[in-house]
Amino acid sequence: MNTLVYEFSEVPLLIDDGIEAGLMDGKASIAFDEEGEWYVDGITLDAYQSGKGALGKTSMDLNEHEPEHAWLYHVIELRLTNEKDGWFDNISEAVRLQLAEDGISIIPQAEIDYREHAGSAL
């Protein structure tokens, strides 16, 4: 299984009546195979540390098995993997490009569907 890091920005935690709230930025570790099938293997959020000591931008790894993190991990994972949202297409394209860079070419599903339809019309 191969992996790549996909940077996301403004992934909403809540969408209600077209209004997006709780916009999150970060990175997702994407595991994928040579067929272009992929899944989210980890999520890291951009974060800001305040208070005494070091201040500024940092990151926070979400653990899908910790109760404080699980709900947030799964909401972001759902947004990234939902075919109706743009992130799914962006990640699929990033996987396709990585495979092409590795010398592996995959045919997009839309082209396969078109070929099958065109073949049945003949």
PDB file of N, CA and C in Angstrom:
ATOM      1  N   MET A   1       0.858  -1.176   0.000  1.00  0.00           N
ATOM      2  CA  MET A   1       0.000   0.000   0.000  1.00  0.00           C
ATOM      3  C   MET A   1       0.901   1.235   0.000  1.00  0.00           C
ATOM      4  N   ASN A   2       0.601   2.166  -0.881  1.00  0.00           N
ATOM      5  CA  ASN A   2       1.338   3.430  -0.971  1.00  0.00           C
ATOM      6  C   ASN A   2       0.615   4.497  -0.163  1.00  0.00           C
ATOM      7  N   THR A   3       1.325   5.571   0.157  1.00  0.00           N
ATOM      8  CA  THR A   3       0.687   6.679   0.871  1.00  0.00           C
ATOM      9  C   THR A   3       1.120   8.010   0.278  1.00  0.00           C
ATOM     10  N   LEU A   4       0.267   8.991   0.454  1.00  0.00           N
ATOM     11  CA  LEU A   4       0.602  10.367   0.132  1.00  0.00           C
ATOM     12  C   LEU A   4      -0.031  11.259   1.178  1.00  0.00           C
ATOM     13  N   VAL A   5       0.454  12.491   1.265  1.00  0.00           N
ATOM     14  CA  VAL A   5      -0.103  13.452   2.209  1.00  0.00           C
ATOM     15  C   VAL A   5      -0.926  14.458   1.407  1.00  0.00           C
ATOM     16  N   TYR A   6      -2.198  14.593   1.776  1.00  0.00           N
ATOM     17  CA  TYR A   6      -3.102  15.522   1.110  1.00  0.00           C
ATOM     18  C   TYR A   6      -3.403  16.667   2.075  1.00  0.00           C
ATOM     19  N   GLU A   7      -3.067  17.884   1.673  1.00  0.00           N
ATOM     20  CA  GLU A   7      -3.358  19.052   2.502  1.00  0.00           C
ATOM     21  C   GLU A   7      -4.758  19.556   2.184  1.00  0.00           C
ATOM     22  N   PHE A   8      -5.552  19.768   3.221  1.00  0.00           N
ATOM     23  CA  PHE A   8      -6.906  20.284   3.028  1.00  0.00           C
ATOM     24  C   PHE A   8      -7.068  21.599   3.765  1.00  0.00           C
ATOM     25  N   SER A   9      -8.018  22.388   3.298  1.00  0.00           N
ATOM     26  CA  SER A   9      -8.309  23.646   3.983  1.00  0.00           C
ATOM     27  C   SER A   9      -9.813  23.883   3.956  1.00  0.00           C
ATOM     28  N   GLU A  10     -10.272  24.478   5.023  1.00  0.00           N
ATOM     29  CA  GLU A  10     -11.669  24.883   5.175  1.00  0.00           C
ATOM     30  C   GLU A  10     -12.648  23.721   5.006  1.00  0.00           C
ATOM     31  N   VAL A  11     -12.321  22.583   5.602  1.00  0.00           N
ATOM     32  CA  VAL A  11     -13.259  21.462   5.652  1.00  0.00           C
ATOM     33  C   VAL A  11     -14.236  21.764   6.785  1.00  0.00           C
ATOM     34  N   PRO A  12     -15.529  21.888   6.481  1.00  0.00           N
ATOM     35  CA  PRO A  12     -16.492  22.262   7.526  1.00  0.00           C
ATOM     36  C   PRO A  12     -16.876  21.082   8.411  1.00  0.00           C
ATOM     37  N   LEU A  13     -17.003  21.358   9.695  1.00  0.00           N
ATOM     38  CA  LEU A  13     -17.487  20.338  10.625  1.00  0.00           C
ATOM     39  C   LEU A  13     -18.995  20.208  10.536  1.00  0.00           C
ATOM     40  N   LEU A  14     -19.664  21.295  10.159  1.00  0.00           N
ATOM     41  CA  LEU A  14     -21.119  21.301  10.097  1.00  0.00           C
ATOM     42  C   LEU A  14     -21.566  22.068   8.866  1.00  0.00           C
ATOM     43  N   ILE A  15     -22.524  21.511   8.154  1.00  0.00           N
ATOM     44  CA  ILE A  15     -23.175  22.208   7.056  1.00  0.00           C
ATOM     45  C   ILE A  15     -24.667  22.139   7.324  1.00  0.00           C
ATOM     46  N   ASP A  16     -25.284  23.296   7.474  1.00  0.00           N
ATOM     47  CA  ASP A  16     -26.717  23.359   7.764  1.00  0.00           C
ATOM     48  C   ASP A  16     -27.355  24.395   6.860  1.00  0.00           C
ATOM     49  N   ASP A  17     -28.237  23.950   5.992  1.00  0.00           N
ATOM     50  CA  ASP A  17     -28.959  24.831   5.081  1.00  0.00           C
ATOM     51  C   ASP A  17     -27.993  25.687   4.256  1.00  0.00           C
ATOM     52  N   GLY A  18     -26.906  25.061   3.809  1.00  0.00           N
ATOM     53  CA  GLY A  18     -25.924  25.743   2.969  1.00  0.00           C
ATOM     54  C   GLY A  18     -24.923  26.590   3.733  1.00  0.00           C
ATOM     55  N   ILE A  19     -25.029  26.643   5.040  1.00  0.00           N
ATOM     56  CA  ILE A  19     -24.102  27.421   5.857  1.00  0.00           C
ATOM     57  C   ILE A  19     -23.054  26.479   6.442  1.00  0.00           C
ATOM     58  N   GLU A  20     -21.770  26.800   6.203  1.00  0.00           N
ATOM     59  CA  GLU A  20     -20.676  25.978   6.693  1.00  0.00           C
ATOM     60  C   GLU A  20     -20.090  26.596   7.957  1.00  0.00           C
ATOM     61  N   ALA A  21     -19.811  25.754   8.946  1.00  0.00           N
ATOM     62  CA  ALA A  21     -19.246  26.237  10.208  1.00  0.00           C
ATOM     63  C   ALA A  21     -18.134  25.312  10.672  1.00  0.00           C
ATOM     64  N   GLY A  22     -17.239  25.858  11.474  1.00  0.00           N
ATOM     65  CA  GLY A  22     -16.144  25.072  12.034  1.00  0.00           C
ATOM     66  C   GLY A  22     -15.175  24.616  10.964  1.00  0.00           C
ATOM     67  N   LEU A  23     -14.630  25.561  10.220  1.00  0.00           N
ATOM     68  CA  LEU A  23     -13.740  25.215   9.107  1.00  0.00           C
ATOM     69  C   LEU A  23     -12.376  24.767   9.619  1.00  0.00           C
ATOM     70  N   MET A  24     -11.940  23.596   9.166  1.00  0.00           N
ATOM     71  CA  MET A  24     -10.706  22.985   9.641  1.00  0.00           C
ATOM     72  C   MET A  24      -9.670  22.911   8.522  1.00  0.00           C
ATOM     73  N   ASP A  25      -8.404  23.119   8.882  1.00  0.00           N
ATOM     74  CA  ASP A  25      -7.276  22.975   7.964  1.00  0.00           C
ATOM     75  C   ASP A  25      -6.358  21.892   8.513  1.00  0.00           C
ATOM     76  N   GLY A  26      -5.679  21.192   7.607  1.00  0.00           N
ATOM     77  CA  GLY A  26      -4.737  20.180   8.063  1.00  0.00           C
ATOM     78  C   GLY A  26      -4.261  19.305   6.934  1.00  0.00           C
ATOM     79  N   LYS A  27      -3.854  18.091   7.298  1.00  0.00           N
ATOM     80  CA  LYS A  27      -3.328  17.131   6.342  1.00  0.00           C
ATOM     81  C   LYS A  27      -3.949  15.772   6.622  1.00  0.00           C
ATOM     82  N   ALA A  28      -4.160  15.028   5.544  1.00  0.00           N
ATOM     83  CA  ALA A  28      -4.643  13.653   5.680  1.00  0.00           C
ATOM     84  C   ALA A  28      -3.628  12.727   5.041  1.00  0.00           C
ATOM     85  N   SER A  29      -3.320  11.659   5.734  1.00  0.00           N
ATOM     86  CA  SER A  29      -2.497  10.609   5.157  1.00  0.00           C
ATOM     87  C   SER A  29      -3.446   9.713   4.366  1.00  0.00           C
ATOM     88  N   ILE A  30      -3.155   9.566   3.065  1.00  0.00           N
ATOM     89  CA  ILE A  30      -4.009   8.793   2.174  1.00  0.00           C
ATOM     90  C   ILE A  30      -3.259   7.529   1.765  1.00  0.00           C
ATOM     91  N   ALA A  31      -3.830   6.371   2.075  1.00  0.00           N
ATOM     92  CA  ALA A  31      -3.267   5.091   1.645  1.00  0.00           C
ATOM     93  C   ALA A  31      -3.991   4.684   0.365  1.00  0.00           C
ATOM     94  N   PHE A  32      -3.235   4.184  -0.619  1.00  0.00           N
ATOM     95  CA  PHE A  32      -3.857   3.808  -1.894  1.00  0.00           C
ATOM     96  C   PHE A  32      -3.134   2.628  -2.525  1.00  0.00           C
ATOM     97  N   ASP A  33      -3.866   1.923  -3.388  1.00  0.00           N
ATOM     98  CA  ASP A  33      -3.275   0.789  -4.088  1.00  0.00           C
ATOM     99  C   ASP A  33      -3.028   1.151  -5.553  1.00  0.00           C
ATOM    100  N   GLU A  34      -2.513   0.200  -6.315  1.00  0.00           N
ATOM    101  CA  GLU A  34      -2.168   0.454  -7.713  1.00  0.00           C
ATOM    102  C   GLU A  34      -3.379   0.587  -8.622  1.00  0.00           C
ATOM    103  N   GLU A  35      -4.569   0.288  -8.100  1.00  0.00           N
ATOM    104  CA  GLU A  35      -5.812   0.460  -8.860  1.00  0.00           C
ATOM    105  C   GLU A  35      -6.401   1.854  -8.646  1.00  0.00           C
ATOM    106  N   GLY A  36      -5.811   2.615  -7.740  1.00  0.00           N
ATOM    107  CA  GLY A  36      -6.309   3.956  -7.447  1.00  0.00           C
ATOM    108  C   GLY A  36      -7.326   4.001  -6.326  1.00  0.00           C
ATOM    109  N   GLU A  37      -7.612   2.855  -5.695  1.00  0.00           N
ATOM    110  CA  GLU A  37      -8.520   2.822  -4.546  1.00  0.00           C
ATOM    111  C   GLU A  37      -7.779   3.412  -3.347  1.00  0.00           C
ATOM    112  N   TRP A  38      -8.445   4.256  -2.570  1.00  0.00           N
ATOM    113  CA  TRP A  38      -7.780   4.920  -1.460  1.00  0.00           C
ATOM    114  C   TRP A  38      -8.683   5.039  -0.249  1.00  0.00           C
ATOM    115  N   TYR A  39      -8.054   5.309   0.896  1.00  0.00           N
ATOM    116  CA  TYR A  39      -8.785   5.593   2.133  1.00  0.00           C
ATOM    117  C   TYR A  39      -7.937   6.511   3.011  1.00  0.00           C
ATOM    118  N   VAL A  40      -8.597   7.173   3.937  1.00  0.00           N
ATOM    119  CA  VAL A  40      -7.907   8.065   4.878  1.00  0.00           C
ATOM    120  C   VAL A  40      -7.269   7.191   5.951  1.00  0.00           C
ATOM    121  N   ASP A  41      -5.950   7.357   6.121  1.00  0.00           N
ATOM    122  CA  ASP A  41      -5.199   6.544   7.058  1.00  0.00           C
ATOM    123  C   ASP A  41      -4.748   7.338   8.287  1.00  0.00           C
ATOM    124  N   GLY A  42      -4.972   8.645   8.280  1.00  0.00           N
ATOM    125  CA  GLY A  42      -4.599   9.482   9.414  1.00  0.00           C
ATOM    126  C   GLY A  42      -4.924  10.930   9.122  1.00  0.00           C
ATOM    127  N   ILE A  43      -5.170  11.697  10.166  1.00  0.00           N
ATOM    128  CA  ILE A  43      -5.501  13.114  10.018  1.00  0.00           C
ATOM    129  C   ILE A  43      -4.708  13.924  11.031  1.00  0.00           C
ATOM    130  N   THR A  44      -4.106  15.000  10.553  1.00  0.00           N
ATOM    131  CA  THR A  44      -3.394  15.953  11.398  1.00  0.00           C
ATOM    132  C   THR A  44      -4.003  17.323  11.157  1.00  0.00           C
ATOM    133  N   LEU A  45      -4.386  17.995  12.225  1.00  0.00           N
ATOM    134  CA  LEU A  45      -4.977  19.330  12.109  1.00  0.00           C
ATOM    135  C   LEU A  45      -3.946  20.412  12.357  1.00  0.00           C
ATOM    136  N   ASP A  46      -4.087  21.518  11.617  1.00  0.00           N
ATOM    137  CA  ASP A  46      -3.328  22.715  11.959  1.00  0.00           C
ATOM    138  C   ASP A  46      -3.896  23.230  13.269  1.00  0.00           C
ATOM    139  N   ALA A  47      -3.025  23.648  14.160  1.00  0.00           N
ATOM    140  CA  ALA A  47      -3.472  24.096  15.477  1.00  0.00           C
ATOM    141  C   ALA A  47      -2.609  25.275  15.926  1.00  0.00           C
ATOM    142  N   TYR A  48      -3.050  25.919  16.977  1.00  0.00           N
ATOM    143  CA  TYR A  48      -2.332  27.056  17.528  1.00  0.00           C
ATOM    144  C   TYR A  48      -2.177  26.846  19.018  1.00  0.00           C
ATOM    145  N   GLN A  49      -0.946  27.009  19.486  1.00  0.00           N
ATOM    146  CA  GLN A  49      -0.656  26.819  20.898  1.00  0.00           C
ATOM    147  C   GLN A  49      -0.607  28.187  21.557  1.00  0.00           C
ATOM    148  N   SER A  50      -1.317  28.307  22.662  1.00  0.00           N
ATOM    149  CA  SER A  50      -1.304  29.574  23.386  1.00  0.00           C
ATOM    150  C   SER A  50      -1.038  29.293  24.861  1.00  0.00           C
ATOM    151  N   GLY A  51      -0.859  30.353  25.605  1.00  0.00           N
ATOM    152  CA  GLY A  51      -0.583  30.187  27.022  1.00  0.00           C
ATOM    153  C   GLY A  51       0.884  30.374  27.316  1.00  0.00           C
ATOM    154  N   LYS A  52       1.308  29.876  28.461  1.00  0.00           N
ATOM    155  CA  LYS A  52       2.711  30.016  28.867  1.00  0.00           C
ATOM    156  C   LYS A  52       3.602  29.138  27.996  1.00  0.00           C
ATOM    157  N   GLY A  53       4.794  29.594  27.768  1.00  0.00           N
ATOM    158  CA  GLY A  53       5.749  28.812  26.988  1.00  0.00           C
ATOM    159  C   GLY A  53       5.649  29.116  25.508  1.00  0.00           C
ATOM    160  N   ALA A  54       5.825  28.092  24.700  1.00  0.00           N
ATOM    161  CA  ALA A  54       5.839  28.258  23.235  1.00  0.00           C
ATOM    162  C   ALA A  54       4.466  28.677  22.726  1.00  0.00           C
ATOM    163  N   LEU A  55       4.460  29.693  21.888  1.00  0.00           N
ATOM    164  CA  LEU A  55       3.232  30.167  21.264  1.00  0.00           C
ATOM    165  C   LEU A  55       3.356  30.002  19.762  1.00  0.00           C
ATOM    166  N   GLY A  56       2.250  29.874  19.090  1.00  0.00           N
ATOM    167  CA  GLY A  56       2.282  29.859  17.631  1.00  0.00           C
ATOM    168  C   GLY A  56       1.660  28.632  17.022  1.00  0.00           C
ATOM    169  N   LYS A  57       1.917  28.517  15.733  1.00  0.00           N
ATOM    170  CA  LYS A  57       1.317  27.452  14.949  1.00  0.00           C
ATOM    171  C   LYS A  57       1.982  26.112  15.261  1.00  0.00           C
ATOM    172  N   THR A  58       1.161  25.092  15.374  1.00  0.00           N
ATOM    173  CA  THR A  58       1.628  23.736  15.607  1.00  0.00           C
ATOM    174  C   THR A  58       0.665  22.791  14.894  1.00  0.00           C
ATOM    175  N   SER A  59       0.738  21.523  15.189  1.00  0.00           N
ATOM    176  CA  SER A  59      -0.190  20.566  14.596  1.00  0.00           C
ATOM    177  C   SER A  59      -0.646  19.583  15.665  1.00  0.00           C
ATOM    178  N   MET A  60      -1.773  18.924  15.381  1.00  0.00           N
ATOM    179  CA  MET A  60      -2.337  17.964  16.325  1.00  0.00           C
ATOM    180  C   MET A  60      -2.763  16.723  15.547  1.00  0.00           C
ATOM    181  N   ASP A  61      -2.158  15.583  15.876  1.00  0.00           N
ATOM    182  CA  ASP A  61      -2.566  14.322  15.259  1.00  0.00           C
ATOM    183  C   ASP A  61      -3.845  13.845  15.930  1.00  0.00           C
ATOM    184  N   LEU A  62      -4.838  13.519  15.112  1.00  0.00           N
ATOM    185  CA  LEU A  62      -6.070  12.967  15.657  1.00  0.00           C
ATOM    186  C   LEU A  62      -5.963  11.454  15.711  1.00  0.00           C
ATOM    187  N   ASN A  63      -6.378  10.887  16.830  1.00  0.00           N
ATOM    188  CA  ASN A  63      -6.405   9.438  16.994  1.00  0.00           C
ATOM    189  C   ASN A  63      -7.864   9.011  16.946  1.00  0.00           C
ATOM    190  N   GLU A  64      -8.222   8.263  15.907  1.00  0.00           N
ATOM    191  CA  GLU A  64      -9.626   7.889  15.726  1.00  0.00           C
ATOM    192  C   GLU A  64     -10.146   6.982  16.839  1.00  0.00           C
ATOM    193  N   HIS A  65      -9.261   6.446  17.679  1.00  0.00           N
ATOM    194  CA  HIS A  65      -9.676   5.542  18.744  1.00  0.00           C
ATOM    195  C   HIS A  65      -9.788   6.228  20.105  1.00  0.00           C
ATOM    196  N   GLU A  66      -9.367   7.495  20.208  1.00  0.00           N
ATOM    197  CA  GLU A  66      -9.512   8.229  21.464  1.00  0.00           C
ATOM    198  C   GLU A  66     -10.851   8.952  21.463  1.00  0.00           C
ATOM    199  N   PRO A  67     -11.630   8.828  22.517  1.00  0.00           N
ATOM    200  CA  PRO A  67     -12.964   9.435  22.537  1.00  0.00           C
ATOM    201  C   PRO A  67     -12.980  10.939  22.237  1.00  0.00           C
ATOM    202  N   GLU A  68     -11.977  11.680  22.727  1.00  0.00           N
ATOM    203  CA  GLU A  68     -11.958  13.126  22.479  1.00  0.00           C
ATOM    204  C   GLU A  68     -11.700  13.440  21.013  1.00  0.00           C
ATOM    205  N   HIS A  69     -11.053  12.540  20.288  1.00  0.00           N
ATOM    206  CA  HIS A  69     -10.672  12.771  18.899  1.00  0.00           C
ATOM    207  C   HIS A  69     -11.592  12.078  17.898  1.00  0.00           C
ATOM    208  N   ALA A  70     -12.196  10.965  18.290  1.00  0.00           N
ATOM    209  CA  ALA A  70     -12.898  10.093  17.343  1.00  0.00           C
ATOM    210  C   ALA A  70     -13.977  10.819  16.546  1.00  0.00           C
ATOM    211  N   TRP A  71     -14.823  11.589  17.215  1.00  0.00           N
ATOM    212  CA  TRP A  71     -15.916  12.252  16.505  1.00  0.00           C
ATOM    213  C   TRP A  71     -15.376  13.217  15.458  1.00  0.00           C
ATOM    214  N   LEU A  72     -14.330  13.966  15.819  1.00  0.00           N
ATOM    215  CA  LEU A  72     -13.744  14.939  14.903  1.00  0.00           C
ATOM    216  C   LEU A  72     -13.056  14.231  13.731  1.00  0.00           C
ATOM    217  N   TYR A  73     -12.321  13.178  14.030  1.00  0.00           N
ATOM    218  CA  TYR A  73     -11.660  12.381  12.989  1.00  0.00           C
ATOM    219  C   TYR A  73     -12.694  11.899  11.970  1.00  0.00           C
ATOM    220  N   HIS A  74     -13.792  11.345  12.469  1.00  0.00           N
ATOM    221  CA  HIS A  74     -14.777  10.745  11.574  1.00  0.00           C
ATOM    222  C   HIS A  74     -15.567  11.790  10.778  1.00  0.00           C
ATOM    223  N   VAL A  75     -15.803  12.953  11.339  1.00  0.00           N
ATOM    224  CA  VAL A  75     -16.476  14.011  10.575  1.00  0.00           C
ATOM    225  C   VAL A  75     -15.581  14.467   9.420  1.00  0.00           C
ATOM    226  N   ILE A  76     -14.307  14.692   9.702  1.00  0.00           N
ATOM    227  CA  ILE A  76     -13.378  15.128   8.647  1.00  0.00           C
ATOM    228  C   ILE A  76     -13.203  14.009   7.617  1.00  0.00           C
ATOM    229  N   GLU A  77     -13.061  12.778   8.079  1.00  0.00           N
ATOM    230  CA  GLU A  77     -12.935  11.638   7.162  1.00  0.00           C
ATOM    231  C   GLU A  77     -14.160  11.545   6.247  1.00  0.00           C
ATOM    232  N   LEU A  78     -15.349  11.747   6.802  1.00  0.00           N
ATOM    233  CA  LEU A  78     -16.573  11.705   6.003  1.00  0.00           C
ATOM    234  C   LEU A  78     -16.570  12.792   4.938  1.00  0.00           C
ATOM    235  N   ARG A  79     -16.147  14.001   5.291  1.00  0.00           N
ATOM    236  CA  ARG A  79     -16.094  15.092   4.307  1.00  0.00           C
ATOM    237  C   ARG A  79     -15.114  14.763   3.184  1.00  0.00           C
ATOM    238  N   LEU A  80     -13.952  14.224   3.529  1.00  0.00           N
ATOM    239  CA  LEU A  80     -12.921  13.937   2.532  1.00  0.00           C
ATOM    240  C   LEU A  80     -13.312  12.790   1.608  1.00  0.00           C
ATOM    241  N   THR A  81     -14.094  11.834   2.110  1.00  0.00           N
ATOM    242  CA  THR A  81     -14.421  10.643   1.328  1.00  0.00           C
ATOM    243  C   THR A  81     -15.805  10.693   0.683  1.00  0.00           C
ATOM    244  N   ASN A  82     -16.575  11.726   0.937  1.00  0.00           N
ATOM    245  CA  ASN A  82     -17.911  11.853   0.360  1.00  0.00           C
ATOM    246  C   ASN A  82     -17.787  12.258  -1.109  1.00  0.00           C
ATOM    247  N   GLU A  83     -18.314  11.423  -1.999  1.00  0.00           N
ATOM    248  CA  GLU A  83     -18.184  11.676  -3.436  1.00  0.00           C
ATOM    249  C   GLU A  83     -18.894  12.946  -3.885  1.00  0.00           C
ATOM    250  N   LYS A  84     -19.792  13.482  -3.076  1.00  0.00           N
ATOM    251  CA  LYS A  84     -20.500  14.706  -3.447  1.00  0.00           C
ATOM    252  C   LYS A  84     -19.692  15.959  -3.128  1.00  0.00           C
ATOM    253  N   ASP A  85     -18.671  15.817  -2.302  1.00  0.00           N
ATOM    254  CA  ASP A  85     -17.836  16.957  -1.937  1.00  0.00           C
ATOM    255  C   ASP A  85     -16.601  16.993  -2.839  1.00  0.00           C
ATOM    256  N   GLY A  86     -16.061  18.165  -3.062  1.00  0.00           N
ATOM    257  CA  GLY A  86     -14.917  18.327  -3.952  1.00  0.00           C
ATOM    258  C   GLY A  86     -13.640  17.671  -3.471  1.00  0.00           C
ATOM    259  N   TRP A  87     -13.519  17.424  -2.182  1.00  0.00           N
ATOM    260  CA  TRP A  87     -12.280  16.839  -1.666  1.00  0.00           C
ATOM    261  C   TRP A  87     -12.075  15.439  -2.212  1.00  0.00           C
ATOM    262  N   PHE A  88     -13.144  14.676  -2.362  1.00  0.00           N
ATOM    263  CA  PHE A  88     -13.038  13.313  -2.900  1.00  0.00           C
ATOM    264  C   PHE A  88     -12.366  13.335  -4.275  1.00  0.00           C
ATOM    265  N   ASP A  89     -12.857  14.202  -5.167  1.00  0.00           N
ATOM    266  CA  ASP A  89     -12.278  14.298  -6.508  1.00  0.00           C
ATOM    267  C   ASP A  89     -10.831  14.779  -6.455  1.00  0.00           C
ATOM    268  N   ASN A  90     -10.550  15.733  -5.583  1.00  0.00           N
ATOM    269  CA  ASN A  90      -9.177  16.251  -5.461  1.00  0.00           C
ATOM    270  C   ASN A  90      -8.214  15.172  -4.972  1.00  0.00           C
ATOM    271  N   ILE A  91      -8.652  14.377  -4.001  1.00  0.00           N
ATOM    272  CA  ILE A  91      -7.791  13.302  -3.494  1.00  0.00           C
ATOM    273  C   ILE A  91      -7.627  12.224  -4.557  1.00  0.00           C
ATOM    274  N   SER A  92      -8.708  11.869  -5.248  1.00  0.00           N
ATOM    275  CA  SER A  92      -8.616  10.865  -6.313  1.00  0.00           C
ATOM    276  C   SER A  92      -7.641  11.310  -7.391  1.00  0.00           C
ATOM    277  N   GLU A  93      -7.660  12.587  -7.725  1.00  0.00           N
ATOM    278  CA  GLU A  93      -6.730  13.119  -8.726  1.00  0.00           C
ATOM    279  C   GLU A  93      -5.298  13.092  -8.202  1.00  0.00           C
ATOM    280  N   ALA A  94      -5.099  13.418  -6.934  1.00  0.00           N
ATOM    281  CA  ALA A  94      -3.756  13.371  -6.343  1.00  0.00           C
ATOM    282  C   ALA A  94      -3.211  11.938  -6.370  1.00  0.00           C
ATOM    283  N   VAL A  95      -4.064  10.968  -6.100  1.00  0.00           N
ATOM    284  CA  VAL A  95      -3.663   9.558  -6.154  1.00  0.00           C
ATOM    285  C   VAL A  95      -3.298   9.185  -7.590  1.00  0.00           C
ATOM    286  N   ARG A  96      -4.139   9.582  -8.547  1.00  0.00           N
ATOM    287  CA  ARG A  96      -3.876   9.285  -9.958  1.00  0.00           C
ATOM    288  C   ARG A  96      -2.536   9.884 -10.401  1.00  0.00           C
ATOM    289  N   LEU A  97      -2.286  11.132 -10.006  1.00  0.00           N
ATOM    290  CA  LEU A  97      -1.025  11.784 -10.367  1.00  0.00           C
ATOM    291  C   LEU A  97       0.172  11.097  -9.726  1.00  0.00           C
ATOM    292  N   GLN A  98       0.025  10.675  -8.471  1.00  0.00           N
ATOM    293  CA  GLN A  98       1.125   9.967  -7.800  1.00  0.00           C
ATOM    294  C   GLN A  98       1.402   8.640  -8.489  1.00  0.00           C
ATOM    295  N   LEU A  99       0.344   7.923  -8.859  1.00  0.00           N
ATOM    296  CA  LEU A  99       0.528   6.667  -9.576  1.00  0.00           C
ATOM    297  C   LEU A  99       1.213   6.906 -10.918  1.00  0.00           C
ATOM    298  N   ALA A 100       0.804   7.960 -11.630  1.00  0.00           N
ATOM    299  CA  ALA A 100       1.422   8.284 -12.920  1.00  0.00           C
ATOM    300  C   ALA A 100       2.904   8.610 -12.731  1.00  0.00           C
ATOM    301  N   GLU A 101       3.214   9.345 -11.663  1.00  0.00           N
ATOM    302  CA  GLU A 101       4.614   9.672 -11.364  1.00  0.00           C
ATOM    303  C   GLU A 101       5.421   8.407 -11.086  1.00  0.00           C
ATOM    304  N   ASP A 102       4.750   7.416 -10.516  1.00  0.00           N
ATOM    305  CA  ASP A 102       5.390   6.135 -10.223  1.00  0.00           C
ATOM    306  C   ASP A 102       5.386   5.200 -11.436  1.00  0.00           C
ATOM    307  N   GLY A 103       4.877   5.683 -12.569  1.00  0.00           N
ATOM    308  CA  GLY A 103       4.861   4.886 -13.794  1.00  0.00           C
ATOM    309  C   GLY A 103       3.668   3.966 -13.934  1.00  0.00           C
ATOM    310  N   ILE A 104       2.624   4.196 -13.142  1.00  0.00           N
ATOM    311  CA  ILE A 104       1.420   3.368 -13.198  1.00  0.00           C
ATOM    312  C   ILE A 104       0.276   4.234 -13.708  1.00  0.00           C
ATOM    313  N   SER A 105      -0.337   3.813 -14.798  1.00  0.00           N
ATOM    314  CA  SER A 105      -1.441   4.578 -15.374  1.00  0.00           C
ATOM    315  C   SER A 105      -2.755   3.867 -15.088  1.00  0.00           C
ATOM    316  N   ILE A 106      -3.715   4.628 -14.580  1.00  0.00           N
ATOM    317  CA  ILE A 106      -5.048   4.059 -14.373  1.00  0.00           C
ATOM    318  C   ILE A 106      -6.028   4.837 -15.234  1.00  0.00           C
ATOM    319  N   ILE A 107      -7.062   4.157 -15.669  1.00  0.00           N
ATOM    320  CA  ILE A 107      -8.095   4.795 -16.478  1.00  0.00           C
ATOM    321  C   ILE A 107      -9.192   5.274 -15.533  1.00  0.00           C
ATOM    322  N   PRO A 108      -9.565   6.569 -15.596  1.00  0.00           N
ATOM    323  CA  PRO A 108     -10.633   7.067 -14.736  1.00  0.00           C
ATOM    324  C   PRO A 108     -11.938   6.303 -14.961  1.00  0.00           C
ATOM    325  N   GLN A 109     -12.726   6.119 -13.899  1.00  0.00           N
ATOM    326  CA  GLN A 109     -13.981   5.369 -13.977  1.00  0.00           C
ATOM    327  C   GLN A 109     -14.921   5.950 -15.026  1.00  0.00           C
ATOM    328  N   ALA A 110     -14.952   7.264 -15.176  1.00  0.00           N
ATOM    329  CA  ALA A 110     -15.831   7.885 -16.168  1.00  0.00           C
ATOM    330  C   ALA A 110     -15.468   7.419 -17.579  1.00  0.00           C
ATOM    331  N   GLU A 111     -14.184   7.258 -17.848  1.00  0.00           N
ATOM    332  CA  GLU A 111     -13.764   6.792 -19.171  1.00  0.00           C
ATOM    333  C   GLU A 111     -14.121   5.328 -19.362  1.00  0.00           C
ATOM    334  N   ILE A 112     -13.986   4.525 -18.315  1.00  0.00           N
ATOM    335  CA  ILE A 112     -14.386   3.120 -18.391  1.00  0.00           C
ATOM    336  C   ILE A 112     -15.881   3.025 -18.671  1.00  0.00           C
ATOM    337  N   ASP A 113     -16.689   3.814 -17.933  1.00  0.00           N
ATOM    338  CA  ASP A 113     -18.136   3.816 -18.142  1.00  0.00           C
ATOM    339  C   ASP A 113     -18.480   4.220 -19.570  1.00  0.00           C
ATOM    340  N   TYR A 114     -17.792   5.236 -20.081  1.00  0.00           N
ATOM    341  CA  TYR A 114     -18.037   5.701 -21.445  1.00  0.00           C
ATOM    342  C   TYR A 114     -17.716   4.603 -22.450  1.00  0.00           C
ATOM    343  N   ARG A 115     -16.572   3.942 -22.258  1.00  0.00           N
ATOM    344  CA  ARG A 115     -16.170   2.864 -23.175  1.00  0.00           C
ATOM    345  C   ARG A 115     -17.171   1.731 -23.153  1.00  0.00           C
ATOM    346  N   GLU A 116     -17.641   1.368 -21.953  1.00  0.00           N
ATOM    347  CA  GLU A 116     -18.620   0.290 -21.840  1.00  0.00           C
ATOM    348  C   GLU A 116     -19.927   0.685 -22.517  1.00  0.00           C
ATOM    349  N   HIS A 117     -20.358   1.911 -22.318  1.00  0.00           N
ATOM    350  CA  HIS A 117     -21.606   2.386 -22.929  1.00  0.00           C
ATOM    351  C   HIS A 117     -21.464   2.447 -24.441  1.00  0.00           C
ATOM    352  N   ALA A 118     -20.349   2.981 -24.933  1.00  0.00           N
ATOM    353  CA  ALA A 118     -20.130   3.080 -26.370  1.00  0.00           C
ATOM    354  C   ALA A 118     -20.065   1.708 -27.007  1.00  0.00           C
ATOM    355  N   GLY A 119     -19.456   0.760 -26.307  1.00  0.00           N
ATOM    356  CA  GLY A 119     -19.368  -0.611 -26.824  1.00  0.00           C
ATOM    357  C   GLY A 119     -20.722  -1.283 -26.905  1.00  0.00           C
ATOM    358  N   SER A 120     -21.606  -0.988 -25.950  1.00  0.00           N
ATOM    359  CA  SER A 120     -22.935  -1.616 -25.960  1.00  0.00           C
ATOM    360  C   SER A 120     -23.834  -0.986 -27.014  1.00  0.00           C
ATOM    361  N   ALA A 121     -23.490   0.227 -27.449  1.00  0.00           N
ATOM    362  CA  ALA A 121     -24.315   0.907 -28.455  1.00  0.00           C
ATOM    363  C   ALA A 121     -23.968   0.433 -29.859  1.00  0.00           C
ATOM    364  N   LEU A 122     -22.847  -0.261 -30.009  1.00  0.00           N
ATOM    365  CA  LEU A 122     -22.417  -0.725 -31.344  1.00  0.00           C
ATOM    366  C   LEU A 122     -23.129  -1.968 -31.769  1.00  0.00           C
TER     367      LEU A 122
END
